[in-house]
Structures are given as structure tokens and as C-alpha cells.
């Protein structure tokens, strides 16, 4: 299930639309993060943040919420690890994957005996 994004409006309104359970919100700026933390969300999806912004975001979260990162690409692995996020979404693994279409055609024993 996709997280509501603070950038689409008031984060409190976005959280009220979620079914009961974990309150989480997606942010892509430090200002949005501050808003989400004021509300008291359980988890924050840090979307496409560079290494410096990411490190600052994790510092601001300071254990008050689960910090989950959605990196734009696989680069900056050392900076991502050093920032101390709790979870990393790895959608980039499949977004650029090439397609390999393999078909398996089964023949019955009687059909292959006649060939």
C-alpha cells in the first residue's frame, strides 16, 4: 500500500485517510519531515533524498519514527548505510530490469511419438 504524501496537502488529513494501524507518510523535503514528526507518525518514507539531506532527516527523526528510504538509484550506498535508516525500499532493483519472456511448450507423450 502506498504511503500518503505530505506534499499532496495537509499531513494530518493524509493520515486520517489511512485505515487503522501504522501511521506513515511519504516526504521528500525536510520541511515535510518536520510536519510529519509534529503529528507523531509511526514511520516516514524518505523519498529520493541526497546523502546530506538523508543524514539530516535521520538526525531529526532520532528514533521517534521508523526511517524508511526510497533511493532514486543504487548510488551512494555508503552514505545510505552511514545515515542509519531503518529500512530501504529496493524498487529500483525491478524498475530497470530487462524483460525475459520464456515460454515452455509441453508435448504429450503421444504427440512426441509421432514426430
PDB file of N, CA and C in Angstrom:
ATOM      1  N   UNK A   1       0.850  -1.175   0.000  1.00  0.00           N
ATOM      2  CA  UNK A   1       0.000   0.000   0.000  1.00  0.00           C
ATOM      3  C   UNK A   1       0.894   1.236   0.000  1.00  0.00           C
ATOM      4  N   UNK A   2       0.609   2.189  -0.820  1.00  0.00           N
ATOM      5  CA  UNK A   2       1.420   3.391  -0.943  1.00  0.00           C
ATOM      6  C   UNK A   2       1.118   4.356   0.208  1.00  0.00           C
ATOM      7  N   UNK A   3       2.166   5.013   0.665  1.00  0.00           N
ATOM      8  CA  UNK A   3       2.024   5.971   1.757  1.00  0.00           C
ATOM      9  C   UNK A   3       1.433   7.271   1.248  1.00  0.00           C
ATOM     10  N   UNK A   4       0.599   7.940   2.044  1.00  0.00           N
ATOM     11  CA  UNK A   4       0.137   9.269   1.635  1.00  0.00           C
ATOM     12  C   UNK A   4       1.306  10.241   1.681  1.00  0.00           C
ATOM     13  N   UNK A   5       1.373  11.138   0.731  1.00  0.00           N
ATOM     14  CA  UNK A   5       2.479  12.091   0.671  1.00  0.00           C
ATOM     15  C   UNK A   5       2.087  13.410   1.296  1.00  0.00           C
ATOM     16  N   UNK A   6       2.952  13.941   2.124  1.00  0.00           N
ATOM     17  CA  UNK A   6       2.707  15.241   2.739  1.00  0.00           C
ATOM     18  C   UNK A   6       2.590  16.302   1.658  1.00  0.00           C
ATOM     19  N   UNK A   7       3.355  16.154   0.583  1.00  0.00           N
ATOM     20  CA  UNK A   7       3.368  17.179  -0.458  1.00  0.00           C
ATOM     21  C   UNK A   7       2.015  17.343  -1.132  1.00  0.00           C
ATOM     22  N   UNK A   8       1.133  16.379  -0.959  1.00  0.00           N
ATOM     23  CA  UNK A   8      -0.196  16.480  -1.577  1.00  0.00           C
ATOM     24  C   UNK A   8      -1.158  17.274  -0.714  1.00  0.00           C
ATOM     25  N   UNK A   9      -0.718  17.746   0.418  1.00  0.00           N
ATOM     26  CA  UNK A   9      -1.619  18.525   1.261  1.00  0.00           C
ATOM     27  C   UNK A   9      -1.256  18.392   2.716  1.00  0.00           C
ATOM     28  N   UNK A  10      -2.191  18.675   3.558  1.00  0.00           N
ATOM     29  CA  UNK A  10      -2.009  18.630   4.995  1.00  0.00           C
ATOM     30  C   UNK A  10      -1.701  17.207   5.443  1.00  0.00           C
ATOM     31  N   UNK A  11      -0.572  16.969   6.147  1.00  0.00           N
ATOM     32  CA  UNK A  11      -0.236  15.607   6.537  1.00  0.00           C
ATOM     33  C   UNK A  11      -1.250  14.984   7.485  1.00  0.00           C
ATOM     34  N   UNK A  12      -1.866  15.780   8.343  1.00  0.00           N
ATOM     35  CA  UNK A  12      -2.892  15.242   9.230  1.00  0.00           C
ATOM     36  C   UNK A  12      -4.069  14.687   8.460  1.00  0.00           C
ATOM     37  N   UNK A  13      -4.485  15.392   7.410  1.00  0.00           N
ATOM     38  CA  UNK A  13      -5.583  14.922   6.562  1.00  0.00           C
ATOM     39  C   UNK A  13      -5.174  13.640   5.850  1.00  0.00           C
ATOM     40  N   UNK A  14      -3.929  13.576   5.377  1.00  0.00           N
ATOM     41  CA  UNK A  14      -3.453  12.378   4.682  1.00  0.00           C
ATOM     42  C   UNK A  14      -3.471  11.176   5.615  1.00  0.00           C
ATOM     43  N   UNK A  15      -3.094  11.358   6.857  1.00  0.00           N
ATOM     44  CA  UNK A  15      -3.075  10.247   7.802  1.00  0.00           C
ATOM     45  C   UNK A  15      -4.472   9.802   8.181  1.00  0.00           C
ATOM     46  N   UNK A  16      -5.424  10.694   8.288  1.00  0.00           N
ATOM     47  CA  UNK A  16      -6.788  10.301   8.623  1.00  0.00           C
ATOM     48  C   UNK A  16      -7.408   9.412   7.541  1.00  0.00           C
ATOM     49  N   UNK A  17      -6.922   9.525   6.300  1.00  0.00           N
ATOM     50  CA  UNK A  17      -7.468   8.700   5.223  1.00  0.00           C
ATOM     51  C   UNK A  17      -6.996   7.257   5.304  1.00  0.00           C
ATOM     52  N   UNK A  18      -5.913   6.988   6.069  1.00  0.00           N
ATOM     53  CA  UNK A  18      -5.374   5.627   6.162  1.00  0.00           C
ATOM     54  C   UNK A  18      -6.254   4.774   7.069  1.00  0.00           C
ATOM     55  N   UNK A  19      -6.339   3.487   6.739  1.00  0.00           N
ATOM     56  CA  UNK A  19      -7.058   2.598   7.648  1.00  0.00           C
ATOM     57  C   UNK A  19      -6.306   2.504   8.980  1.00  0.00           C
ATOM     58  N   UNK A  20      -6.963   1.983   9.972  1.00  0.00           N
ATOM     59  CA  UNK A  20      -6.315   1.886  11.286  1.00  0.00           C
ATOM     60  C   UNK A  20      -5.054   1.053  11.183  1.00  0.00           C
ATOM     61  N   UNK A  21      -4.137   1.315  12.051  1.00  0.00           N
ATOM     62  CA  UNK A  21      -2.850   0.628  12.026  1.00  0.00           C
ATOM     63  C   UNK A  21      -1.734   1.644  12.014  1.00  0.00           C
ATOM     64  N   UNK A  22      -0.633   1.283  11.417  1.00  0.00           N
ATOM     65  CA  UNK A  22       0.547   2.145  11.411  1.00  0.00           C
ATOM     66  C   UNK A  22       0.296   3.426  10.628  1.00  0.00           C
ATOM     67  N   UNK A  23       0.618   4.545  11.254  1.00  0.00           N
ATOM     68  CA  UNK A  23       0.547   5.835  10.574  1.00  0.00           C
ATOM     69  C   UNK A  23       1.884   6.102   9.922  1.00  0.00           C
ATOM     70  N   UNK A  24       1.885   6.226   8.606  1.00  0.00           N
ATOM     71  CA  UNK A  24       3.129   6.508   7.896  1.00  0.00           C
ATOM     72  C   UNK A  24       2.859   7.541   6.832  1.00  0.00           C
ATOM     73  N   UNK A  25       3.903   8.252   6.478  1.00  0.00           N
ATOM     74  CA  UNK A  25       3.749   9.305   5.498  1.00  0.00           C
ATOM     75  C   UNK A  25       5.026   9.384   4.662  1.00  0.00           C
ATOM     76  N   UNK A  26       4.888   9.801   3.420  1.00  0.00           N
ATOM     77  CA  UNK A  26       5.998   9.938   2.496  1.00  0.00           C
ATOM     78  C   UNK A  26       6.398  11.409   2.411  1.00  0.00           C
ATOM     79  N   UNK A  27       7.684  11.688   2.542  1.00  0.00           N
ATOM     80  CA  UNK A  27       8.169  13.067   2.471  1.00  0.00           C
ATOM     81  C   UNK A  27       9.361  13.134   1.523  1.00  0.00           C
ATOM     82  N   UNK A  28       9.541  14.308   0.911  1.00  0.00           N
ATOM     83  CA  UNK A  28      10.732  14.485   0.084  1.00  0.00           C
ATOM     84  C   UNK A  28      11.482  15.773   0.405  1.00  0.00           C
ATOM     85  N   UNK A  29      11.079  16.459   1.479  1.00  0.00           N
ATOM     86  CA  UNK A  29      11.811  17.630   1.961  1.00  0.00           C
ATOM     87  C   UNK A  29      11.904  17.557   3.491  1.00  0.00           C
ATOM     88  N   UNK A  30      12.852  18.277   4.038  1.00  0.00           N
ATOM     89  CA  UNK A  30      12.994  18.325   5.497  1.00  0.00           C
ATOM     90  C   UNK A  30      11.824  19.048   6.152  1.00  0.00           C
ATOM     91  N   UNK A  31      11.256  20.017   5.460  1.00  0.00           N
ATOM     92  CA  UNK A  31      10.096  20.732   5.997  1.00  0.00           C
ATOM     93  C   UNK A  31       8.906  19.787   6.152  1.00  0.00           C
ATOM     94  N   UNK A  32       8.683  18.942   5.150  1.00  0.00           N
ATOM     95  CA  UNK A  32       7.606  17.965   5.232  1.00  0.00           C
ATOM     96  C   UNK A  32       7.873  16.975   6.368  1.00  0.00           C
ATOM     97  N   UNK A  33       9.132  16.590   6.523  1.00  0.00           N
ATOM     98  CA  UNK A  33       9.501  15.681   7.609  1.00  0.00           C
ATOM     99  C   UNK A  33       9.156  16.293   8.964  1.00  0.00           C
ATOM    100  N   UNK A  34       9.507  17.559   9.152  1.00  0.00           N
ATOM    101  CA  UNK A  34       9.198  18.230  10.416  1.00  0.00           C
ATOM    102  C   UNK A  34       7.695  18.217  10.696  1.00  0.00           C
ATOM    103  N   UNK A  35       6.878  18.465   9.669  1.00  0.00           N
ATOM    104  CA  UNK A  35       5.417  18.422   9.828  1.00  0.00           C
ATOM    105  C   UNK A  35       4.960  17.036  10.265  1.00  0.00           C
ATOM    106  N   UNK A  36       5.499  16.009   9.605  1.00  0.00           N
ATOM    107  CA  UNK A  36       5.104  14.635   9.913  1.00  0.00           C
ATOM    108  C   UNK A  36       5.494  14.258  11.341  1.00  0.00           C
ATOM    109  N   UNK A  37       6.674  14.679  11.761  1.00  0.00           N
ATOM    110  CA  UNK A  37       7.119  14.357  13.119  1.00  0.00           C
ATOM    111  C   UNK A  37       6.283  15.076  14.165  1.00  0.00           C
ATOM    112  N   UNK A  38       5.837  16.289  13.860  1.00  0.00           N
ATOM    113  CA  UNK A  38       4.967  17.021  14.795  1.00  0.00           C
ATOM    114  C   UNK A  38       3.662  16.281  15.022  1.00  0.00           C
ATOM    115  N   UNK A  39       3.148  15.640  13.976  1.00  0.00           N
ATOM    116  CA  UNK A  39       1.898  14.880  14.083  1.00  0.00           C
ATOM    117  C   UNK A  39       2.102  13.615  14.899  1.00  0.00           C
ATOM    118  N   UNK A  40       3.323  13.060  14.846  1.00  0.00           N
ATOM    119  CA  UNK A  40       3.613  11.838  15.590  1.00  0.00           C
ATOM    120  C   UNK A  40       3.423  10.575  14.779  1.00  0.00           C
ATOM    121  N   UNK A  41       3.834  10.578  13.522  1.00  0.00           N
ATOM    122  CA  UNK A  41       3.687   9.396  12.679  1.00  0.00           C
ATOM    123  C   UNK A  41       4.556   8.254  13.194  1.00  0.00           C
ATOM    124  N   UNK A  42       4.187   7.027  12.836  1.00  0.00           N
ATOM    125  CA  UNK A  42       4.944   5.842  13.232  1.00  0.00           C
ATOM    126  C   UNK A  42       6.124   5.573  12.303  1.00  0.00           C
ATOM    127  N   UNK A  43       5.970   5.934  11.018  1.00  0.00           N
ATOM    128  CA  UNK A  43       7.017   5.661  10.033  1.00  0.00           C
ATOM    129  C   UNK A  43       7.029   6.759   8.980  1.00  0.00           C
ATOM    130  N   UNK A  44       8.226   7.054   8.498  1.00  0.00           N
ATOM    131  CA  UNK A  44       8.398   8.085   7.479  1.00  0.00           C
ATOM    132  C   UNK A  44       9.165   7.482   6.310  1.00  0.00           C
ATOM    133  N   UNK A  45       8.591   7.596   5.106  1.00  0.00           N
ATOM    134  CA  UNK A  45       9.270   7.173   3.890  1.00  0.00           C
ATOM    135  C   UNK A  45       9.996   8.387   3.330  1.00  0.00           C
ATOM    136  N   UNK A  46      11.311   8.347   3.360  1.00  0.00           N
ATOM    137  CA  UNK A  46      12.155   9.440   2.876  1.00  0.00           C
ATOM    138  C   UNK A  46      12.394   9.202   1.392  1.00  0.00           C
ATOM    139  N   UNK A  47      11.760   9.996   0.570  1.00  0.00           N
ATOM    140  CA  UNK A  47      11.733   9.744  -0.872  1.00  0.00           C
ATOM    141  C   UNK A  47      12.798  10.546  -1.614  1.00  0.00           C
ATOM    142  N   UNK A  48      13.701   9.838  -2.296  1.00  0.00           N
ATOM    143  CA  UNK A  48      14.677  10.442  -3.209  1.00  0.00           C
ATOM    144  C   UNK A  48      15.509  11.560  -2.589  1.00  0.00           C
ATOM    145  N   UNK A  49      16.018  11.346  -1.402  1.00  0.00           N
ATOM    146  CA  UNK A  49      16.856  12.351  -0.755  1.00  0.00           C
ATOM    147  C   UNK A  49      18.328  12.068  -1.039  1.00  0.00           C
ATOM    148  N   UNK A  50      19.076  13.123  -1.250  1.00  0.00           N
ATOM    149  CA  UNK A  50      20.512  13.003  -1.424  1.00  0.00           C
ATOM    150  C   UNK A  50      21.183  12.659  -0.103  1.00  0.00           C
ATOM    151  N   UNK A  51      22.466  12.301  -0.125  1.00  0.00           N
ATOM    152  CA  UNK A  51      23.153  11.853   1.082  1.00  0.00           C
ATOM    153  C   UNK A  51      23.132  12.858   2.237  1.00  0.00           C
ATOM    154  N   UNK A  52      23.347  14.139   1.964  1.00  0.00           N
ATOM    155  CA  UNK A  52      23.380  15.126   3.040  1.00  0.00           C
ATOM    156  C   UNK A  52      21.996  15.344   3.645  1.00  0.00           C
ATOM    157  N   UNK A  53      20.992  15.453   2.784  1.00  0.00           N
ATOM    158  CA  UNK A  53      19.614  15.637   3.262  1.00  0.00           C
ATOM    159  C   UNK A  53      19.161  14.408   4.035  1.00  0.00           C
ATOM    160  N   UNK A  54      19.519  13.235   3.545  1.00  0.00           N
ATOM    161  CA  UNK A  54      19.157  11.991   4.215  1.00  0.00           C
ATOM    162  C   UNK A  54      19.752  11.927   5.621  1.00  0.00           C
ATOM    163  N   UNK A  55      21.019  12.260   5.743  1.00  0.00           N
ATOM    164  CA  UNK A  55      21.668  12.235   7.059  1.00  0.00           C
ATOM    165  C   UNK A  55      20.978  13.203   8.025  1.00  0.00           C
ATOM    166  N   UNK A  56      20.608  14.372   7.535  1.00  0.00           N
ATOM    167  CA  UNK A  56      19.913  15.344   8.377  1.00  0.00           C
ATOM    168  C   UNK A  56      18.519  14.836   8.757  1.00  0.00           C
ATOM    169  N   UNK A  57      17.835  14.192   7.815  1.00  0.00           N
ATOM    170  CA  UNK A  57      16.497  13.660   8.095  1.00  0.00           C
ATOM    171  C   UNK A  57      16.558  12.606   9.199  1.00  0.00           C
ATOM    172  N   UNK A  58      17.512  11.695   9.107  1.00  0.00           N
ATOM    173  CA  UNK A  58      17.645  10.654  10.129  1.00  0.00           C
ATOM    174  C   UNK A  58      18.000  11.278  11.474  1.00  0.00           C
ATOM    175  N   UNK A  59      18.834  12.311  11.463  1.00  0.00           N
ATOM    176  CA  UNK A  59      19.174  13.012  12.704  1.00  0.00           C
ATOM    177  C   UNK A  59      17.922  13.617  13.333  1.00  0.00           C
ATOM    178  N   UNK A  60      17.058  14.226  12.501  1.00  0.00           N
ATOM    179  CA  UNK A  60      15.830  14.841  13.018  1.00  0.00           C
ATOM    180  C   UNK A  60      14.845  13.792  13.533  1.00  0.00           C
ATOM    181  N   UNK A  61      14.772  12.664  12.872  1.00  0.00           N
ATOM    182  CA  UNK A  61      13.853  11.600  13.308  1.00  0.00           C
ATOM    183  C   UNK A  61      14.284  11.068  14.669  1.00  0.00           C
ATOM    184  N   UNK A  62      15.571  10.845  14.843  1.00  0.00           N
ATOM    185  CA  UNK A  62      16.159  10.473  16.144  1.00  0.00           C
ATOM    186  C   UNK A  62      15.388   9.370  16.873  1.00  0.00           C
ATOM    187  N   UNK A  63      14.967   8.351  16.138  1.00  0.00           N
ATOM    188  CA  UNK A  63      14.283   7.229  16.762  1.00  0.00           C
ATOM    189  C   UNK A  63      12.816   7.444  17.061  1.00  0.00           C
ATOM    190  N   UNK A  64      12.266   8.610  16.739  1.00  0.00           N
ATOM    191  CA  UNK A  64      10.848   8.876  17.032  1.00  0.00           C
ATOM    192  C   UNK A  64       9.911   8.172  16.062  1.00  0.00           C
ATOM    193  N   UNK A  65      10.438   7.728  14.922  1.00  0.00           N
ATOM    194  CA  UNK A  65       9.645   7.025  13.906  1.00  0.00           C
ATOM    195  C   UNK A  65      10.577   6.088  13.157  1.00  0.00           C
ATOM    196  N   UNK A  66      10.014   5.149  12.454  1.00  0.00           N
ATOM    197  CA  UNK A  66      10.816   4.284  11.584  1.00  0.00           C
ATOM    198  C   UNK A  66      11.213   5.104  10.363  1.00  0.00           C
ATOM    199  N   UNK A  67      12.493   5.105  10.053  1.00  0.00           N
ATOM    200  CA  UNK A  67      13.006   5.840   8.891  1.00  0.00           C
ATOM    201  C   UNK A  67      13.206   4.858   7.746  1.00  0.00           C
ATOM    202  N   UNK A  68      12.400   5.021   6.722  1.00  0.00           N
ATOM    203  CA  UNK A  68      12.471   4.139   5.555  1.00  0.00           C
ATOM    204  C   UNK A  68      12.880   4.983   4.363  1.00  0.00           C
ATOM    205  N   UNK A  69      13.829   4.495   3.588  1.00  0.00           N
ATOM    206  CA  UNK A  69      14.352   5.249   2.456  1.00  0.00           C
ATOM    207  C   UNK A  69      13.916   4.620   1.145  1.00  0.00           C
ATOM    208  N   UNK A  70      13.523   5.477   0.207  1.00  0.00           N
ATOM    209  CA  UNK A  70      13.308   5.045  -1.164  1.00  0.00           C
ATOM    210  C   UNK A  70      14.339   5.794  -2.016  1.00  0.00           C
ATOM    211  N   UNK A  71      15.504   5.177  -2.254  1.00  0.00           N
ATOM    212  CA  UNK A  71      16.529   5.877  -3.034  1.00  0.00           C
ATOM    213  C   UNK A  71      16.135   5.963  -4.497  1.00  0.00           C
ATOM    214  N   UNK A  72      16.563   7.040  -5.139  1.00  0.00           N
ATOM    215  CA  UNK A  72      16.276   7.244  -6.561  1.00  0.00           C
ATOM    216  C   UNK A  72      17.032   6.234  -7.405  1.00  0.00           C
ATOM    217  N   UNK A  73      18.199   5.848  -6.969  1.00  0.00           N
ATOM    218  CA  UNK A  73      19.012   4.853  -7.673  1.00  0.00           C
ATOM    219  C   UNK A  73      19.904   4.161  -6.659  1.00  0.00           C
ATOM    220  N   UNK A  74      20.701   3.220  -7.117  1.00  0.00           N
ATOM    221  CA  UNK A  74      21.515   2.414  -6.218  1.00  0.00           C
ATOM    222  C   UNK A  74      22.782   3.125  -5.764  1.00  0.00           C
ATOM    223  N   UNK A  75      23.064   4.300  -6.283  1.00  0.00           N
ATOM    224  CA  UNK A  75      24.284   5.014  -5.909  1.00  0.00           C
ATOM    225  C   UNK A  75      24.267   5.457  -4.459  1.00  0.00           C
ATOM    226  N   UNK A  76      25.375   5.932  -4.006  1.00  0.00           N
ATOM    227  CA  UNK A  76      25.533   6.458  -2.644  1.00  0.00           C
ATOM    228  C   UNK A  76      25.273   5.402  -1.577  1.00  0.00           C
ATOM    229  N   UNK A  77      25.602   4.154  -1.859  1.00  0.00           N
ATOM    230  CA  UNK A  77      25.330   3.090  -0.882  1.00  0.00           C
ATOM    231  C   UNK A  77      26.005   3.341   0.462  1.00  0.00           C
ATOM    232  N   UNK A  78      27.256   3.800   0.430  1.00  0.00           N
ATOM    233  CA  UNK A  78      27.975   4.041   1.685  1.00  0.00           C
ATOM    234  C   UNK A  78      27.294   5.149   2.490  1.00  0.00           C
ATOM    235  N   UNK A  79      26.853   6.211   1.815  1.00  0.00           N
ATOM    236  CA  UNK A  79      26.180   7.313   2.511  1.00  0.00           C
ATOM    237  C   UNK A  79      24.835   6.861   3.067  1.00  0.00           C
ATOM    238  N   UNK A  80      24.135   6.014   2.327  1.00  0.00           N
ATOM    239  CA  UNK A  80      22.846   5.491   2.797  1.00  0.00           C
ATOM    240  C   UNK A  80      23.066   4.657   4.057  1.00  0.00           C
ATOM    241  N   UNK A  81      24.069   3.792   4.023  1.00  0.00           N
ATOM    242  CA  UNK A  81      24.357   2.953   5.185  1.00  0.00           C
ATOM    243  C   UNK A  81      24.786   3.800   6.380  1.00  0.00           C
ATOM    244  N   UNK A  82      25.596   4.816   6.135  1.00  0.00           N
ATOM    245  CA  UNK A  82      26.093   5.665   7.214  1.00  0.00           C
ATOM    246  C   UNK A  82      24.989   6.516   7.834  1.00  0.00           C
ATOM    247  N   UNK A  83      23.955   6.826   7.067  1.00  0.00           N
ATOM    248  CA  UNK A  83      22.872   7.680   7.570  1.00  0.00           C
ATOM    249  C   UNK A  83      22.085   7.002   8.679  1.00  0.00           C
ATOM    250  N   UNK A  84      21.984   5.682   8.636  1.00  0.00           N
ATOM    251  CA  UNK A  84      21.314   4.961   9.704  1.00  0.00           C
ATOM    252  C   UNK A  84      19.821   4.774   9.529  1.00  0.00           C
ATOM    253  N   UNK A  85      19.338   4.693   8.290  1.00  0.00           N
ATOM    254  CA  UNK A  85      17.911   4.438   8.084  1.00  0.00           C
ATOM    255  C   UNK A  85      17.568   3.039   8.592  1.00  0.00           C
ATOM    256  N   UNK A  86      16.304   2.845   8.939  1.00  0.00           N
ATOM    257  CA  UNK A  86      15.868   1.549   9.454  1.00  0.00           C
ATOM    258  C   UNK A  86      15.568   0.556   8.334  1.00  0.00           C
ATOM    259  N   UNK A  87      14.972   1.047   7.246  1.00  0.00           N
ATOM    260  CA  UNK A  87      14.572   0.190   6.131  1.00  0.00           C
ATOM    261  C   UNK A  87      14.905   0.871   4.815  1.00  0.00           C
ATOM    262  N   UNK A  88      15.194   0.071   3.788  1.00  0.00           N
ATOM    263  CA  UNK A  88      15.444   0.609   2.452  1.00  0.00           C
ATOM    264  C   UNK A  88      14.511  -0.096   1.479  1.00  0.00           C
ATOM    265  N   UNK A  89      13.717   0.664   0.750  1.00  0.00           N
ATOM    266  CA  UNK A  89      12.897   0.106  -0.316  1.00  0.00           C
ATOM    267  C   UNK A  89      13.795  -0.113  -1.515  1.00  0.00           C
ATOM    268  N   UNK A  90      13.669  -1.227  -2.161  1.00  0.00           N
ATOM    269  CA  UNK A  90      14.562  -1.546  -3.263  1.00  0.00           C
ATOM    270  C   UNK A  90      13.809  -1.669  -4.580  1.00  0.00           C
ATOM    271  N   UNK A  91      12.832  -0.807  -4.794  1.00  0.00           N
ATOM    272  CA  UNK A  91      12.083  -0.850  -6.045  1.00  0.00           C
ATOM    273  C   UNK A  91      12.955  -0.636  -7.259  1.00  0.00           C
ATOM    274  N   UNK A  92      14.069   0.094  -7.087  1.00  0.00           N
ATOM    275  CA  UNK A  92      14.964   0.350  -8.205  1.00  0.00           C
ATOM    276  C   UNK A  92      15.546  -0.945  -8.757  1.00  0.00           C
ATOM    277  N   UNK A  93      15.514  -2.025  -7.973  1.00  0.00           N
ATOM    278  CA  UNK A  93      16.010  -3.305  -8.476  1.00  0.00           C
ATOM    279  C   UNK A  93      15.157  -3.817  -9.627  1.00  0.00           C
ATOM    280  N   UNK A  94      13.868  -3.548  -9.568  1.00  0.00           N
ATOM    281  CA  UNK A  94      12.975  -4.086 -10.590  1.00  0.00           C
ATOM    282  C   UNK A  94      12.519  -3.058 -11.615  1.00  0.00           C
ATOM    283  N   UNK A  95      12.621  -1.759 -11.316  1.00  0.00           N
ATOM    284  CA  UNK A  95      12.148  -0.741 -12.250  1.00  0.00           C
ATOM    285  C   UNK A  95      12.908  -0.771 -13.571  1.00  0.00           C
ATOM    286  N   UNK A  96      14.186  -1.095 -13.521  1.00  0.00           N
ATOM    287  CA  UNK A  96      15.014  -1.065 -14.727  1.00  0.00           C
ATOM    288  C   UNK A  96      15.371  -2.458 -15.231  1.00  0.00           C
ATOM    289  N   UNK A  97      14.771  -3.454 -14.666  1.00  0.00           N
ATOM    290  CA  UNK A  97      15.104  -4.816 -15.076  1.00  0.00           C
ATOM    291  C   UNK A  97      14.608  -5.095 -16.490  1.00  0.00           C
ATOM    292  N   UNK A  98      15.440  -5.770 -17.248  1.00  0.00           N
ATOM    293  CA  UNK A  98      15.041  -6.174 -18.600  1.00  0.00           C
ATOM    294  C   UNK A  98      14.060  -7.338 -18.503  1.00  0.00           C
ATOM    295  N   UNK A  99      13.227  -7.436 -19.485  1.00  0.00           N
ATOM    296  CA  UNK A  99      12.230  -8.497 -19.509  1.00  0.00           C
ATOM    297  C   UNK A  99      12.789  -9.686 -20.276  1.00  0.00           C
ATOM    298  N   UNK A 100      12.607 -10.854 -19.749  1.00  0.00           N
ATOM    299  CA  UNK A 100      12.981 -12.083 -20.421  1.00  0.00           C
ATOM    300  C   UNK A 100      11.729 -12.932 -20.489  1.00  0.00           C
ATOM    301  N   UNK A 101      11.226 -13.134 -21.687  1.00  0.00           N
ATOM    302  CA  UNK A 101       9.999 -13.888 -21.882  1.00  0.00           C
ATOM    303  C   UNK A 101      10.363 -15.309 -22.281  1.00  0.00           C
ATOM    304  N   UNK A 102      10.101 -16.242 -21.402  1.00  0.00           N
ATOM    305  CA  UNK A 102      10.410 -17.645 -21.664  1.00  0.00           C
ATOM    306  C   UNK A 102       9.099 -18.402 -21.744  1.00  0.00           C
ATOM    307  N   UNK A 103       8.919 -19.105 -22.837  1.00  0.00           N
ATOM    308  CA  UNK A 103       7.724 -19.929 -22.987  1.00  0.00           C
ATOM    309  C   UNK A 103       8.089 -21.396 -22.897  1.00  0.00           C
ATOM    310  N   UNK A 104       7.292 -22.159 -22.207  1.00  0.00           N
ATOM    311  CA  UNK A 104       7.508 -23.597 -22.115  1.00  0.00           C
ATOM    312  C   UNK A 104       6.336 -24.287 -22.805  1.00  0.00           C
ATOM    313  N   UNK A 105       6.635 -24.964 -23.867  1.00  0.00           N
ATOM    314  CA  UNK A 105       5.604 -25.690 -24.603  1.00  0.00           C
ATOM    315  C   UNK A 105       5.694 -27.166 -24.229  1.00  0.00           C
ATOM    316  N   UNK A 106       4.617 -27.705 -23.718  1.00  0.00           N
ATOM    317  CA  UNK A 106       4.584 -29.099 -23.295  1.00  0.00           C
ATOM    318  C   UNK A 106       3.973 -29.948 -24.394  1.00  0.00           C
ATOM    319  N   UNK A 107       4.579 -31.056 -24.617  1.00  0.00           N
ATOM    320  CA  UNK A 107       4.024 -32.017 -25.564  1.00  0.00           C
ATOM    321  C   UNK A 107       3.660 -33.284 -24.808  1.00  0.00           C
ATOM    322  N   UNK A 108       2.560 -33.847 -25.184  1.00  0.00           N
ATOM    323  CA  UNK A 108       2.190 -35.112 -24.551  1.00  0.00           C
ATOM    324  C   UNK A 108       3.033 -36.226 -25.148  1.00  0.00           C
ATOM    325  N   UNK A 109       3.133 -37.339 -24.474  1.00  0.00           N
ATOM    326  CA  UNK A 109       3.954 -38.458 -24.938  1.00  0.00           C
ATOM    327  C   UNK A 109       3.473 -38.973 -26.294  1.00  0.00           C
ATOM    328  N   UNK A 110       2.174 -38.986 -26.540  1.00  0.00           N
ATOM    329  CA  UNK A 110       1.661 -39.485 -27.814  1.00  0.00           C
ATOM    330  C   UNK A 110       1.977 -38.521 -28.951  1.00  0.00           C
ATOM    331  N   UNK A 111       1.999 -37.202 -28.686  1.00  0.00           N
ATOM    332  CA  UNK A 111       2.292 -36.215 -29.726  1.00  0.00           C
ATOM    333  C   UNK A 111       3.765 -36.281 -30.105  1.00  0.00           C
ATOM    334  N   UNK A 112       4.668 -36.512 -29.134  1.00  0.00           N
ATOM    335  CA  UNK A 112       6.080 -36.543 -29.477  1.00  0.00           C
ATOM    336  C   UNK A 112       6.458 -37.870 -30.131  1.00  0.00           C
ATOM    337  N   UNK A 113       5.700 -38.925 -29.932  1.00  0.00           N
ATOM    338  CA  UNK A 113       5.999 -40.215 -30.567  1.00  0.00           C
ATOM    339  C   UNK A 113       5.765 -40.137 -32.066  1.00  0.00           C
ATOM    340  N   UNK A 114       4.851 -39.303 -32.495  1.00  0.00           N
ATOM    341  CA  UNK A 114       4.542 -39.195 -33.907  1.00  0.00           C
ATOM    342  C   UNK A 114       5.473 -38.238 -34.650  1.00  0.00           C
ATOM    343  N   UNK A 115       6.350 -37.498 -33.949  1.00  0.00           N
ATOM    344  CA  UNK A 115       7.224 -36.539 -34.624  1.00  0.00           C
ATOM    345  C   UNK A 115       8.501 -37.145 -35.081  1.00  0.00           C
TER     346      UNK A 115
END
